[in-house]
Amino acid sequence: MITLADAAAVSGVAMQAHRDDEVEVLTSTCTYVSVPPADASEGRILRQLRVDIFAGSQFFDQEGRYYPREEREDLEFADEAFVHTGDEKRGVTVQVARSGVVYSVNYSEQAILTDDVPDAAARRDELVAVVEERLGGGR
């Protein structure tokens, strides 16, 4: 679905696979995180791309319970798809429902021991493009 190269394209930096788990309600989850710099003494921005795949269309946030409808934008590449841009902690989420499976892809950034200001929202278009490339055509 989303590859390590896709994660790097979204974040704009080198990424590494962090974990790949199976959880009860999830079919699978995979997390990519930015590769730490050789010298992190001045802090860094941790970038994370997480992919959750749910079995069952009930996991699509149709009603806007977790991602309020007035705060998100419907995407044209699938009948049930949207992008939500939250605060710096929530980052950017693209959710797509197709054939009874829900894909939720989130990109976030967090400052660690640095005054640099993370801005996951700046990578919104890159995230949407990668998800559309991988999951588009669901109409």
C-alpha atoms as a PDB file:
ATOM      1  CA  MET A   1       0.000   0.000   0.000  1.00  0.00           C
ATOM      2  CA  ILE A   2       2.124   2.942   1.219  1.00  0.00           C
ATOM      3  CA  THR A   3       5.837   2.237   0.828  1.00  0.00           C
ATOM      4  CA  LEU A   4       8.933   3.577   2.554  1.00  0.00           C
ATOM      5  CA  ALA A   5       9.641   5.616  -0.592  1.00  0.00           C
ATOM      6  CA  ASP A   6       6.109   7.078  -0.378  1.00  0.00           C
ATOM      7  CA  ALA A   7       6.698   8.067   3.255  1.00  0.00           C
ATOM      8  CA  ALA A   8       9.929   9.835   2.277  1.00  0.00           C
ATOM      9  CA  ALA A   9       8.149  11.634  -0.578  1.00  0.00           C
ATOM     10  CA  VAL A  10       5.483  12.931   1.813  1.00  0.00           C
ATOM     11  CA  SER A  11       7.891  14.016   4.569  1.00  0.00           C
ATOM     12  CA  GLY A  12      10.649  15.326   2.338  1.00  0.00           C
ATOM     13  CA  VAL A  13      13.283  13.509   4.440  1.00  0.00           C
ATOM     14  CA  ALA A  14      14.696   9.976   4.760  1.00  0.00           C
ATOM     15  CA  MET A  15      12.329   7.662   6.633  1.00  0.00           C
ATOM     16  CA  GLN A  16      12.579   4.211   8.200  1.00  0.00           C
ATOM     17  CA  ALA A  17       9.977   1.601   9.070  1.00  0.00           C
ATOM     18  CA  HIS A  18       9.198   1.871  12.763  1.00  0.00           C
ATOM     19  CA  ARG A  19       6.742  -0.934  13.370  1.00  0.00           C
ATOM     20  CA  ASP A  20       4.210  -3.073  11.621  1.00  0.00           C
ATOM     21  CA  ASP A  21       1.549  -4.442  13.947  1.00  0.00           C
ATOM     22  CA  GLU A  22      -1.691  -6.311  13.824  1.00  0.00           C
ATOM     23  CA  VAL A  23      -4.265  -5.048  16.319  1.00  0.00           C
ATOM     24  CA  GLU A  24      -7.730  -6.474  17.054  1.00  0.00           C
ATOM     25  CA  VAL A  25      -9.859  -4.056  15.010  1.00  0.00           C
ATOM     26  CA  LEU A  26      -7.170  -3.363  12.473  1.00  0.00           C
ATOM     27  CA  THR A  27      -6.293  -5.519   9.552  1.00  0.00           C
ATOM     28  CA  SER A  28      -2.857  -3.952   9.823  1.00  0.00           C
ATOM     29  CA  THR A  29      -0.957  -0.846  10.791  1.00  0.00           C
ATOM     30  CA  CYS A  30       2.417   0.378   9.662  1.00  0.00           C
ATOM     31  CA  THR A  31       4.377   3.369  10.929  1.00  0.00           C
ATOM     32  CA  TYR A  32       7.287   5.149   9.283  1.00  0.00           C
ATOM     33  CA  VAL A  33       9.429   7.667  11.180  1.00  0.00           C
ATOM     34  CA  SER A  34      12.151  10.063  10.081  1.00  0.00           C
ATOM     35  CA  VAL A  35      15.715   8.827  10.270  1.00  0.00           C
ATOM     36  CA  PRO A  36      17.436  10.587  13.176  1.00  0.00           C
ATOM     37  CA  PRO A  37      20.284  12.904  12.182  1.00  0.00           C
ATOM     38  CA  ALA A  38      23.842  11.877  13.072  1.00  0.00           C
ATOM     39  CA  ASP A  39      24.003  14.864  15.443  1.00  0.00           C
ATOM     40  CA  ALA A  40      20.718  15.544  17.197  1.00  0.00           C
ATOM     41  CA  SER A  41      22.262  17.678  19.934  1.00  0.00           C
ATOM     42  CA  GLU A  42      20.341  20.733  18.724  1.00  0.00           C
ATOM     43  CA  GLY A  43      17.080  18.844  18.554  1.00  0.00           C
ATOM     44  CA  ARG A  44      15.075  17.742  15.562  1.00  0.00           C
ATOM     45  CA  ILE A  45      11.633  17.407  14.071  1.00  0.00           C
ATOM     46  CA  LEU A  46      10.259  13.871  14.329  1.00  0.00           C
ATOM     47  CA  ARG A  47       8.166  13.099  11.258  1.00  0.00           C
ATOM     48  CA  GLN A  48       5.767  10.166  11.294  1.00  0.00           C
ATOM     49  CA  LEU A  49       3.516   8.597   8.674  1.00  0.00           C
ATOM     50  CA  ARG A  50       1.077   5.996   9.974  1.00  0.00           C
ATOM     51  CA  VAL A  51      -1.136   3.748   7.865  1.00  0.00           C
ATOM     52  CA  ASP A  52      -4.080   1.952   9.491  1.00  0.00           C
ATOM     53  CA  ILE A  53      -6.213  -0.481   7.505  1.00  0.00           C
ATOM     54  CA  PHE A  54      -9.588  -1.440   8.993  1.00  0.00           C
ATOM     55  CA  ALA A  55     -11.785  -4.333   7.888  1.00  0.00           C
ATOM     56  CA  GLY A  56     -15.312  -2.921   7.739  1.00  0.00           C
ATOM     57  CA  SER A  57     -16.826   0.232   6.285  1.00  0.00           C
ATOM     58  CA  GLN A  58     -18.160   1.188   9.753  1.00  0.00           C
ATOM     59  CA  PHE A  59     -14.664   2.496  10.526  1.00  0.00           C
ATOM     60  CA  PHE A  60     -15.022   5.278   7.942  1.00  0.00           C
ATOM     61  CA  ASP A  61     -15.831   8.526   9.795  1.00  0.00           C
ATOM     62  CA  GLN A  62     -18.950   9.258   7.725  1.00  0.00           C
ATOM     63  CA  GLU A  63     -20.648  11.305  10.431  1.00  0.00           C
ATOM     64  CA  GLY A  64     -17.625  13.421  11.313  1.00  0.00           C
ATOM     65  CA  ARG A  65     -17.254  12.150  14.853  1.00  0.00           C
ATOM     66  CA  TYR A  66     -13.439  12.213  14.878  1.00  0.00           C
ATOM     67  CA  TYR A  67     -12.825  14.437  11.872  1.00  0.00           C
ATOM     68  CA  PRO A  68     -15.550  17.127  11.884  1.00  0.00           C
ATOM     69  CA  ARG A  69     -17.194  17.467   8.474  1.00  0.00           C
ATOM     70  CA  GLU A  70     -16.793  21.268   8.459  1.00  0.00           C
ATOM     71  CA  GLU A  71     -13.024  20.851   8.961  1.00  0.00           C
ATOM     72  CA  ARG A  72     -12.379  18.406   6.148  1.00  0.00           C
ATOM     73  CA  GLU A  73     -12.392  18.367   2.378  1.00  0.00           C
ATOM     74  CA  ASP A  74     -13.898  15.582   0.291  1.00  0.00           C
ATOM     75  CA  LEU A  75     -11.475  14.128  -2.227  1.00  0.00           C
ATOM     76  CA  GLU A  76     -12.474  13.481  -5.829  1.00  0.00           C
ATOM     77  CA  PHE A  77     -10.545  10.272  -6.452  1.00  0.00           C
ATOM     78  CA  ALA A  78     -12.944   8.009  -4.509  1.00  0.00           C
ATOM     79  CA  ASP A  79     -16.612   8.070  -3.542  1.00  0.00           C
ATOM     80  CA  GLU A  80     -15.753   8.026   0.155  1.00  0.00           C
ATOM     81  CA  ALA A  81     -12.522   9.899   0.777  1.00  0.00           C
ATOM     82  CA  PHE A  82     -11.533  13.049   2.629  1.00  0.00           C
ATOM     83  CA  VAL A  83      -8.533  14.935   3.973  1.00  0.00           C
ATOM     84  CA  HIS A  84      -8.520  16.550   7.405  1.00  0.00           C
ATOM     85  CA  THR A  85      -5.862  18.990   8.555  1.00  0.00           C
ATOM     86  CA  GLY A  86      -5.694  19.222  12.340  1.00  0.00           C
ATOM     87  CA  ASP A  87      -3.397  20.977  14.759  1.00  0.00           C
ATOM     88  CA  GLU A  88       0.324  20.225  14.958  1.00  0.00           C
ATOM     89  CA  LYS A  89      -0.291  17.129  17.101  1.00  0.00           C
ATOM     90  CA  ARG A  90      -3.003  15.612  14.898  1.00  0.00           C
ATOM     91  CA  GLY A  91      -1.327  16.500  11.619  1.00  0.00           C
ATOM     92  CA  VAL A  92      -2.973  15.609   8.322  1.00  0.00           C
ATOM     93  CA  THR A  93      -5.208  12.569   7.814  1.00  0.00           C
ATOM     94  CA  VAL A  94      -6.561  11.084   4.609  1.00  0.00           C
ATOM     95  CA  GLN A  95      -9.302   8.503   4.998  1.00  0.00           C
ATOM     96  CA  VAL A  96     -10.592   6.340   2.146  1.00  0.00           C
ATOM     97  CA  ALA A  97     -13.314   3.649   2.193  1.00  0.00           C
ATOM     98  CA  ARG A  98     -13.347   1.143  -0.611  1.00  0.00           C
ATOM     99  CA  SER A  99     -14.906  -2.307  -0.952  1.00  0.00           C
ATOM    100  CA  GLY A 100     -15.536  -2.667   2.784  1.00  0.00           C
ATOM    101  CA  VAL A 101     -12.012  -1.645   3.766  1.00  0.00           C
ATOM    102  CA  VAL A 102     -11.069   1.693   5.358  1.00  0.00           C
ATOM    103  CA  TYR A 103      -7.611   3.165   4.881  1.00  0.00           C
ATOM    104  CA  SER A 104      -6.542   5.906   7.280  1.00  0.00           C
ATOM    105  CA  VAL A 105      -3.204   7.580   6.532  1.00  0.00           C
ATOM    106  CA  ASN A 106      -1.867  10.184   8.964  1.00  0.00           C
ATOM    107  CA  TYR A 107       1.201  12.412   8.699  1.00  0.00           C
ATOM    108  CA  SER A 108       2.404  14.359  11.742  1.00  0.00           C
ATOM    109  CA  GLU A 109       5.463  16.242  12.970  1.00  0.00           C
ATOM    110  CA  GLN A 110       6.706  16.868  16.500  1.00  0.00           C
ATOM    111  CA  ALA A 111       9.535  19.129  17.726  1.00  0.00           C
ATOM    112  CA  ILE A 112      12.019  17.388  20.000  1.00  0.00           C
ATOM    113  CA  LEU A 113      14.392  19.619  21.976  1.00  0.00           C
ATOM    114  CA  THR A 114      14.271  22.342  19.344  1.00  0.00           C
ATOM    115  CA  ASP A 115      12.568  25.669  18.813  1.00  0.00           C
ATOM    116  CA  ASP A 116      11.836  24.770  15.190  1.00  0.00           C
ATOM    117  CA  VAL A 117       8.099  24.832  14.573  1.00  0.00           C
ATOM    118  CA  PRO A 118       6.707  21.661  13.004  1.00  0.00           C
ATOM    119  CA  ASP A 119       4.228  22.130  10.172  1.00  0.00           C
ATOM    120  CA  ALA A 120       2.674  18.860   9.027  1.00  0.00           C
ATOM    121  CA  ALA A 121      -0.008  20.824   7.155  1.00  0.00           C
ATOM    122  CA  ALA A 122       2.648  21.991   4.703  1.00  0.00           C
ATOM    123  CA  ARG A 123       2.909  18.366   3.494  1.00  0.00           C
ATOM    124  CA  ARG A 124      -0.846  17.995   2.916  1.00  0.00           C
ATOM    125  CA  ASP A 125      -0.680  17.984  -0.876  1.00  0.00           C
ATOM    126  CA  GLU A 126       2.115  15.407  -0.900  1.00  0.00           C
ATOM    127  CA  LEU A 127       0.110  13.108   1.384  1.00  0.00           C
ATOM    128  CA  VAL A 128      -3.038  13.421  -0.732  1.00  0.00           C
ATOM    129  CA  ALA A 129      -1.040  12.732  -3.914  1.00  0.00           C
ATOM    130  CA  VAL A 130       0.530   9.557  -2.511  1.00  0.00           C
ATOM    131  CA  VAL A 131      -2.788   8.211  -1.218  1.00  0.00           C
ATOM    132  CA  GLU A 132      -4.503   9.036  -4.511  1.00  0.00           C
ATOM    133  CA  GLU A 133      -1.740   7.233  -6.431  1.00  0.00           C
ATOM    134  CA  ARG A 134      -2.083   4.129  -4.241  1.00  0.00           C
ATOM    135  CA  LEU A 135      -5.866   4.102  -3.701  1.00  0.00           C
ATOM    136  CA  GLY A 136      -7.317   6.241  -6.477  1.00  0.00           C
ATOM    137  CA  GLY A 137      -9.807   4.958  -8.933  1.00  0.00           C
ATOM    138  CA  GLY A 138     -12.219   3.748  -6.256  1.00  0.00           C
ATOM    139  CA  ARG A 139     -15.264   5.299  -7.978  1.00  0.00           C
END
